[in-house]
Amino acid sequence: YSEKYQDGKFEYRHVILPKDLARNIPKNRTLTELEWRNLGVQQSRGWEHYATHKPEPHILLFRRPLGTNPISGEVDPESEREAKEK
């Protein structure tokens, strides 16, 4: 798991899976939360698999809106505003 990084809208992280799991990852779409959790990825709520690193399909890219509550997965508008101001 990478450290988290962010831009003005999202926080991001990437997860490197064992290469042998890459063959189980669909090539033409992103994974649902249930699918990536079934692969063994464990992280707090609110993360969305938004892309796969094309040269290395075992690297999954995740993002969630700034200000997301990691327990509920919901975005708190006040926390989102504060995070964007940092």
N, C-alpha and C. Protein backbone atom coordinates (compact mmCIF):
# COMPACT_ATOMS: atom_id res chain seq x y z
N TYR A 1 0.85 -1.18 0.00
CA TYR A 1 0.00 0.00 0.00
C TYR A 1 0.89 1.24 0.00
N SER A 2 0.55 2.18 -0.85
CA SER A 2 1.33 3.41 -0.88
C SER A 2 0.88 4.35 0.22
N GLU A 3 1.68 5.36 0.45
CA GLU A 3 1.24 6.48 1.27
C GLU A 3 0.12 7.19 0.50
N LYS A 4 -0.71 7.92 1.22
CA LYS A 4 -1.77 8.68 0.56
C LYS A 4 -1.17 9.98 0.01
N TYR A 5 -1.68 10.42 -1.11
CA TYR A 5 -1.30 11.69 -1.70
C TYR A 5 -2.57 12.34 -2.21
N GLN A 6 -2.55 13.63 -2.49
CA GLN A 6 -3.80 14.30 -2.86
C GLN A 6 -3.56 15.46 -3.80
N ASP A 7 -4.65 15.83 -4.46
CA ASP A 7 -4.71 17.06 -5.22
C ASP A 7 -5.79 17.89 -4.54
N GLY A 8 -6.39 18.83 -5.20
CA GLY A 8 -7.39 19.67 -4.57
C GLY A 8 -8.77 19.04 -4.44
N LYS A 9 -8.95 17.86 -4.99
CA LYS A 9 -10.28 17.25 -5.01
C LYS A 9 -10.30 15.86 -4.35
N PHE A 10 -9.28 15.05 -4.58
CA PHE A 10 -9.25 13.67 -4.10
C PHE A 10 -7.98 13.39 -3.30
N GLU A 11 -8.06 12.33 -2.48
CA GLU A 11 -6.85 11.72 -1.96
C GLU A 11 -6.70 10.40 -2.70
N TYR A 12 -5.46 9.99 -2.89
CA TYR A 12 -5.16 8.83 -3.72
C TYR A 12 -4.23 7.88 -2.98
N ARG A 13 -4.22 6.65 -3.43
CA ARG A 13 -3.22 5.66 -3.00
C ARG A 13 -3.22 4.57 -4.05
N HIS A 14 -2.15 3.84 -4.09
CA HIS A 14 -2.13 2.68 -4.97
C HIS A 14 -1.78 1.45 -4.15
N VAL A 15 -2.25 0.32 -4.64
CA VAL A 15 -2.05 -0.96 -3.97
C VAL A 15 -1.40 -1.89 -4.97
N ILE A 16 -0.31 -2.51 -4.54
CA ILE A 16 0.40 -3.45 -5.39
C ILE A 16 0.02 -4.87 -4.95
N LEU A 17 -0.64 -5.56 -5.85
CA LEU A 17 -1.05 -6.95 -5.59
C LEU A 17 0.04 -7.91 -6.05
N PRO A 18 0.06 -9.11 -5.51
CA PRO A 18 0.96 -10.12 -6.06
C PRO A 18 0.65 -10.31 -7.55
N LYS A 19 1.69 -10.45 -8.35
CA LYS A 19 1.50 -10.52 -9.81
C LYS A 19 0.59 -11.65 -10.24
N ASP A 20 0.57 -12.75 -9.50
CA ASP A 20 -0.29 -13.86 -9.91
C ASP A 20 -1.77 -13.53 -9.78
N LEU A 21 -2.13 -12.52 -8.98
CA LEU A 21 -3.54 -12.10 -8.88
C LEU A 21 -3.96 -11.23 -10.06
N ALA A 22 -3.00 -10.65 -10.77
CA ALA A 22 -3.32 -9.74 -11.87
C ALA A 22 -4.16 -10.42 -12.95
N ARG A 23 -3.98 -11.70 -13.14
CA ARG A 23 -4.76 -12.38 -14.19
C ARG A 23 -6.24 -12.49 -13.84
N ASN A 24 -6.59 -12.28 -12.56
CA ASN A 24 -8.00 -12.30 -12.13
C ASN A 24 -8.67 -10.94 -12.24
N ILE A 25 -7.92 -9.92 -12.64
CA ILE A 25 -8.45 -8.56 -12.70
C ILE A 25 -8.98 -8.30 -14.11
N PRO A 26 -10.25 -7.88 -14.22
CA PRO A 26 -10.78 -7.56 -15.56
C PRO A 26 -9.95 -6.48 -16.23
N LYS A 27 -9.72 -6.61 -17.52
CA LYS A 27 -8.88 -5.66 -18.26
C LYS A 27 -9.66 -4.44 -18.76
N ASN A 28 -10.98 -4.57 -18.87
CA ASN A 28 -11.77 -3.53 -19.53
C ASN A 28 -12.63 -2.69 -18.59
N ARG A 29 -12.42 -2.82 -17.27
CA ARG A 29 -13.23 -2.05 -16.34
C ARG A 29 -12.54 -2.00 -14.98
N THR A 30 -13.02 -1.09 -14.14
CA THR A 30 -12.51 -1.03 -12.78
C THR A 30 -13.26 -2.04 -11.91
N LEU A 31 -12.70 -2.29 -10.74
CA LEU A 31 -13.30 -3.27 -9.83
C LEU A 31 -14.30 -2.61 -8.90
N THR A 32 -15.32 -3.34 -8.54
CA THR A 32 -16.25 -2.88 -7.51
C THR A 32 -15.56 -3.06 -6.16
N GLU A 33 -16.11 -2.44 -5.13
CA GLU A 33 -15.54 -2.60 -3.79
C GLU A 33 -15.53 -4.08 -3.38
N LEU A 34 -16.60 -4.78 -3.64
CA LEU A 34 -16.67 -6.20 -3.29
C LEU A 34 -15.56 -6.98 -4.00
N GLU A 35 -15.32 -6.69 -5.27
CA GLU A 35 -14.28 -7.40 -6.02
C GLU A 35 -12.88 -7.15 -5.46
N TRP A 36 -12.54 -5.87 -5.21
CA TRP A 36 -11.19 -5.62 -4.71
C TRP A 36 -11.01 -6.11 -3.28
N ARG A 37 -12.07 -6.06 -2.48
CA ARG A 37 -11.96 -6.64 -1.13
C ARG A 37 -11.80 -8.16 -1.20
N ASN A 38 -12.47 -8.81 -2.15
CA ASN A 38 -12.32 -10.26 -2.33
C ASN A 38 -10.92 -10.66 -2.80
N LEU A 39 -10.19 -9.71 -3.39
CA LEU A 39 -8.81 -9.97 -3.77
C LEU A 39 -7.86 -9.82 -2.58
N GLY A 40 -8.41 -9.37 -1.44
CA GLY A 40 -7.59 -9.22 -0.24
C GLY A 40 -7.18 -7.81 0.08
N VAL A 41 -7.65 -6.84 -0.69
CA VAL A 41 -7.32 -5.44 -0.41
C VAL A 41 -8.13 -5.01 0.81
N GLN A 42 -7.44 -4.48 1.82
CA GLN A 42 -8.09 -4.02 3.04
C GLN A 42 -7.74 -2.55 3.25
N GLN A 43 -8.74 -1.73 3.26
CA GLN A 43 -8.58 -0.31 3.53
C GLN A 43 -9.90 0.25 4.02
N SER A 44 -9.84 1.46 4.58
CA SER A 44 -11.04 2.07 5.13
C SER A 44 -12.07 2.35 4.03
N ARG A 45 -13.24 2.75 4.43
CA ARG A 45 -14.35 2.96 3.49
C ARG A 45 -14.17 4.23 2.66
N GLY A 46 -14.87 4.24 1.55
CA GLY A 46 -14.89 5.41 0.69
C GLY A 46 -13.95 5.37 -0.49
N TRP A 47 -13.07 4.36 -0.55
CA TRP A 47 -12.12 4.27 -1.66
C TRP A 47 -12.80 3.69 -2.89
N GLU A 48 -12.42 4.23 -4.05
CA GLU A 48 -12.94 3.79 -5.34
C GLU A 48 -11.77 3.36 -6.21
N HIS A 49 -11.84 2.18 -6.78
CA HIS A 49 -10.84 1.77 -7.77
C HIS A 49 -11.17 2.53 -9.04
N TYR A 50 -10.28 3.43 -9.45
CA TYR A 50 -10.59 4.26 -10.62
C TYR A 50 -9.72 3.96 -11.83
N ALA A 51 -8.63 3.21 -11.64
CA ALA A 51 -7.77 2.89 -12.78
C ALA A 51 -6.81 1.78 -12.40
N THR A 52 -6.27 1.16 -13.42
CA THR A 52 -5.20 0.19 -13.26
C THR A 52 -3.98 0.75 -13.98
N HIS A 53 -2.82 0.59 -13.40
CA HIS A 53 -1.58 1.04 -14.04
C HIS A 53 -1.32 0.12 -15.22
N LYS A 54 -1.57 0.60 -16.42
CA LYS A 54 -1.58 -0.25 -17.62
C LYS A 54 -0.30 -1.08 -17.80
N PRO A 55 0.91 -0.52 -17.64
CA PRO A 55 2.09 -1.36 -17.82
C PRO A 55 2.22 -2.46 -16.76
N GLU A 56 1.61 -2.24 -15.59
CA GLU A 56 1.69 -3.21 -14.51
C GLU A 56 0.30 -3.42 -13.93
N PRO A 57 -0.49 -4.35 -14.51
CA PRO A 57 -1.89 -4.50 -14.12
C PRO A 57 -2.11 -4.96 -12.68
N HIS A 58 -1.06 -5.34 -11.99
CA HIS A 58 -1.19 -5.73 -10.58
C HIS A 58 -1.16 -4.52 -9.64
N ILE A 59 -1.01 -3.32 -10.22
CA ILE A 59 -1.04 -2.09 -9.42
C ILE A 59 -2.41 -1.43 -9.62
N LEU A 60 -3.19 -1.38 -8.54
CA LEU A 60 -4.53 -0.79 -8.58
C LEU A 60 -4.46 0.63 -8.03
N LEU A 61 -5.13 1.56 -8.71
CA LEU A 61 -5.15 2.96 -8.29
C LEU A 61 -6.51 3.26 -7.66
N PHE A 62 -6.47 3.86 -6.48
CA PHE A 62 -7.68 4.19 -5.72
C PHE A 62 -7.73 5.67 -5.43
N ARG A 63 -8.95 6.18 -5.28
CA ARG A 63 -9.15 7.57 -4.87
C ARG A 63 -10.43 7.67 -4.05
N ARG A 64 -10.51 8.75 -3.28
CA ARG A 64 -11.76 9.08 -2.60
C ARG A 64 -11.77 10.59 -2.42
N PRO A 65 -12.96 11.19 -2.39
CA PRO A 65 -13.04 12.65 -2.25
C PRO A 65 -12.41 13.10 -0.93
N LEU A 66 -11.77 14.25 -0.96
CA LEU A 66 -11.24 14.83 0.27
C LEU A 66 -12.37 15.01 1.26
N GLY A 67 -12.10 14.77 2.52
CA GLY A 67 -13.10 14.93 3.56
C GLY A 67 -13.97 13.70 3.76
N THR A 68 -13.62 12.57 3.15
CA THR A 68 -14.39 11.34 3.32
C THR A 68 -14.17 10.78 4.73
N ASN A 69 -15.26 10.43 5.39
CA ASN A 69 -15.17 9.79 6.70
C ASN A 69 -14.71 8.35 6.47
N PRO A 70 -13.56 7.95 7.03
CA PRO A 70 -13.05 6.61 6.76
C PRO A 70 -13.87 5.48 7.38
N ILE A 71 -14.74 5.80 8.33
CA ILE A 71 -15.59 4.77 8.94
C ILE A 71 -16.87 4.56 8.14
N SER A 72 -17.53 5.67 7.78
CA SER A 72 -18.80 5.57 7.06
C SER A 72 -18.62 5.54 5.54
N GLY A 73 -17.53 6.13 5.04
CA GLY A 73 -17.35 6.26 3.61
C GLY A 73 -18.09 7.44 3.01
N GLU A 74 -18.79 8.18 3.86
CA GLU A 74 -19.56 9.35 3.40
C GLU A 74 -18.67 10.60 3.42
N VAL A 75 -18.97 11.53 2.52
CA VAL A 75 -18.23 12.78 2.47
C VAL A 75 -18.95 13.82 3.30
N ASP A 76 -18.24 14.37 4.28
CA ASP A 76 -18.78 15.45 5.10
C ASP A 76 -18.43 16.77 4.40
N PRO A 77 -19.43 17.57 4.01
CA PRO A 77 -19.16 18.81 3.27
C PRO A 77 -18.21 19.75 4.00
N GLU A 78 -18.33 19.86 5.31
CA GLU A 78 -17.45 20.74 6.08
C GLU A 78 -16.02 20.23 6.06
N SER A 79 -15.84 18.93 6.28
CA SER A 79 -14.50 18.34 6.24
C SER A 79 -13.90 18.44 4.84
N GLU A 80 -14.73 18.28 3.83
CA GLU A 80 -14.26 18.40 2.45
C GLU A 80 -13.75 19.80 2.19
N ARG A 81 -14.49 20.81 2.64
CA ARG A 81 -14.08 22.20 2.45
C ARG A 81 -12.76 22.47 3.17
N GLU A 82 -12.65 22.01 4.40
CA GLU A 82 -11.42 22.23 5.18
C GLU A 82 -10.22 21.54 4.53
N ALA A 83 -10.44 20.33 4.02
CA ALA A 83 -9.34 19.59 3.39
C ALA A 83 -8.86 20.31 2.13
N LYS A 84 -9.77 20.88 1.39
CA LYS A 84 -9.40 21.59 0.16
C LYS A 84 -8.67 22.89 0.46
N GLU A 85 -8.90 23.48 1.63
CA GLU A 85 -8.25 24.73 2.00
C GLU A 85 -6.82 24.53 2.47
N LYS A 86 -6.45 23.31 2.82
CA LYS A 86 -5.09 23.03 3.33
C LYS A 86 -4.05 23.19 2.25
